[in-house]
Structures are given as C-alpha cells and as structure tokens.
Protein backbone atom coordinates (compact mmCIF):
# COMPACT_ATOMS: atom_id res chain seq x y z
CA MET A 1 3.07 -10.77 11.79
CA LYS A 2 1.65 -7.54 10.39
CA LYS A 3 -1.66 -6.16 11.54
CA PHE A 4 -4.48 -7.02 9.18
CA ASP A 5 -5.29 -3.40 8.28
CA THR A 6 -1.69 -3.01 7.10
CA VAL A 7 -1.90 -6.19 5.04
CA LEU A 8 -5.16 -5.04 3.48
CA ARG A 9 -3.87 -1.54 2.63
CA GLU A 10 -0.72 -3.02 1.07
CA TYR A 11 -2.73 -5.55 -0.95
CA VAL A 12 -5.16 -2.94 -2.25
CA GLY A 13 -2.31 -0.50 -2.93
CA ARG A 14 -0.58 -3.08 -5.14
CA LEU A 15 -3.64 -3.68 -7.32
CA ASN A 16 -3.62 -2.09 -10.74
CA LEU A 17 -6.55 0.14 -11.61
CA ASP A 18 -8.36 -2.51 -13.69
CA ASN A 19 -8.21 -5.09 -10.89
CA LEU A 20 -9.27 -2.48 -8.36
CA LYS A 21 -12.32 -1.57 -10.47
CA TYR A 22 -13.11 -5.26 -11.02
CA LEU A 23 -13.14 -5.99 -7.29
CA ALA A 24 -15.04 -2.80 -6.50
CA VAL A 25 -17.86 -3.73 -8.88
CA ARG A 26 -18.00 -7.37 -7.80
CA LEU A 27 -18.06 -6.50 -4.09
CA GLU A 28 -20.61 -3.71 -4.58
CA GLU A 29 -23.09 -5.64 -6.74
CA ARG A 30 -22.78 -9.15 -5.25
CA ILE A 31 -25.12 -10.54 -7.90
CA GLY A 32 -24.88 -14.17 -8.92
CA ALA A 33 -21.28 -15.30 -8.69
CA ASP A 34 -19.85 -11.80 -8.11
CA LEU A 35 -18.78 -12.49 -4.53
CA ALA A 36 -17.27 -15.87 -5.42
CA GLU A 37 -15.30 -14.32 -8.29
CA ALA A 38 -14.03 -11.49 -6.09
CA LEU A 39 -12.98 -13.89 -3.36
CA ASP A 40 -11.25 -16.09 -5.92
CA ALA A 41 -9.34 -13.07 -7.23
CA MET A 42 -8.32 -12.07 -3.71
CA SER A 43 -7.26 -15.58 -2.70
CA SER A 44 -3.81 -14.95 -4.18
CA CYS A 45 -3.05 -12.95 -1.01
CA GLN A 46 -2.46 -15.63 1.61
CA ASP A 47 -2.79 -13.26 4.58
CA LEU A 48 -6.11 -11.97 3.28
CA ASP A 49 -7.31 -15.50 2.58
CA ARG A 50 -6.25 -16.64 6.05
CA TRP A 51 -8.04 -13.70 7.69
CA LEU A 52 -11.29 -14.41 5.85
CA SER A 53 -11.12 -18.09 6.73
CA SER A 54 -10.95 -17.19 10.44
CA ALA A 55 -14.58 -15.98 10.44
CA LYS A 56 -16.63 -17.76 13.10
CA SER A 57 -20.00 -17.13 11.41
CA TYR A 58 -21.41 -15.97 8.11
CA ASP A 59 -22.25 -12.60 9.72
CA GLU A 60 -18.62 -12.14 10.71
CA PHE A 61 -17.49 -13.22 7.24
CA TYR A 62 -19.73 -10.67 5.51
CA ASP A 63 -18.55 -7.99 7.94
CA MET A 64 -14.97 -8.82 6.90
CA VAL A 65 -15.92 -8.59 3.23
CA ASP A 66 -17.50 -5.20 3.95
CA VAL A 67 -14.20 -4.03 5.47
CA ILE A 68 -12.36 -5.11 2.32
CA GLN A 69 -14.97 -3.42 0.13
CA GLY A 70 -14.58 -0.16 2.05
CA CYS A 71 -10.81 -0.23 1.69
CA ILE A 72 -11.11 -0.86 -2.07
CA LYS A 73 -13.62 1.97 -2.42
CA ARG A 74 -11.34 4.41 -0.58
CA GLU A 75 -8.37 3.40 -2.76
CA LEU A 76 -10.43 3.90 -5.93
CA GLU A 77 -11.54 7.33 -4.75
CA LYS A 78 -7.93 8.22 -4.03
CA ARG A 79 -6.81 7.17 -7.50
CA LEU A 80 -9.85 8.56 -9.31
CA PRO A 81 -10.83 11.80 -7.55
CA GLU A 82 -13.81 12.29 -9.88
CA LEU A 83 -15.53 9.38 -8.09
CA GLN A 84 -15.67 11.42 -4.87
CA GLN A 85 -18.01 13.89 -6.55
CA VAL A 86 -20.37 11.16 -7.80
CA GLY A 87 -21.02 9.43 -4.57
C-alpha cells in the first residue's frame, strides 16, 4: 500500500483547477456545511476516505483535514503563481 502523503499528492494532482479551488475555499472557510461538502467531494478517493475514517478523536480528524487543506493550498499556489504574492 502507498504511503498516505503519496496518495494525497496524487489525488490533489489529479483534480482540475475548478475542483481544486472549490475544495480550497470549502476547507478554508468551514462555514455551515462547507466541511461536509468538501468531505463528500473527497469521498470518491477510497484511500483518502479510509485514512480520514481512521481518526481516533475529533482533534486527530481535524488535524488530518488540516493536512489535506495544506496540500490543496500548495497545489493551488503551484498552478496559480499569482496566489503566492497575495498570501
């Protein structure tokens, strides 16, 4: 089985720009149903879904979501260099 960081990078790398932006906004804002919608969108990746379901506590779960958010942010910055200047 692949290491999780490899699975995550491959998943994020396969996302088209619109889906990447969608997840980035949902995971950044986390208002209302944002997190639920983002998790629903990501559930198509079984390895990612399995990893998130292995969380032993809500703190661990949110730490995992933060890891995913960081990976998505880095991928967006790589694809859209003008975002690096903004923040």
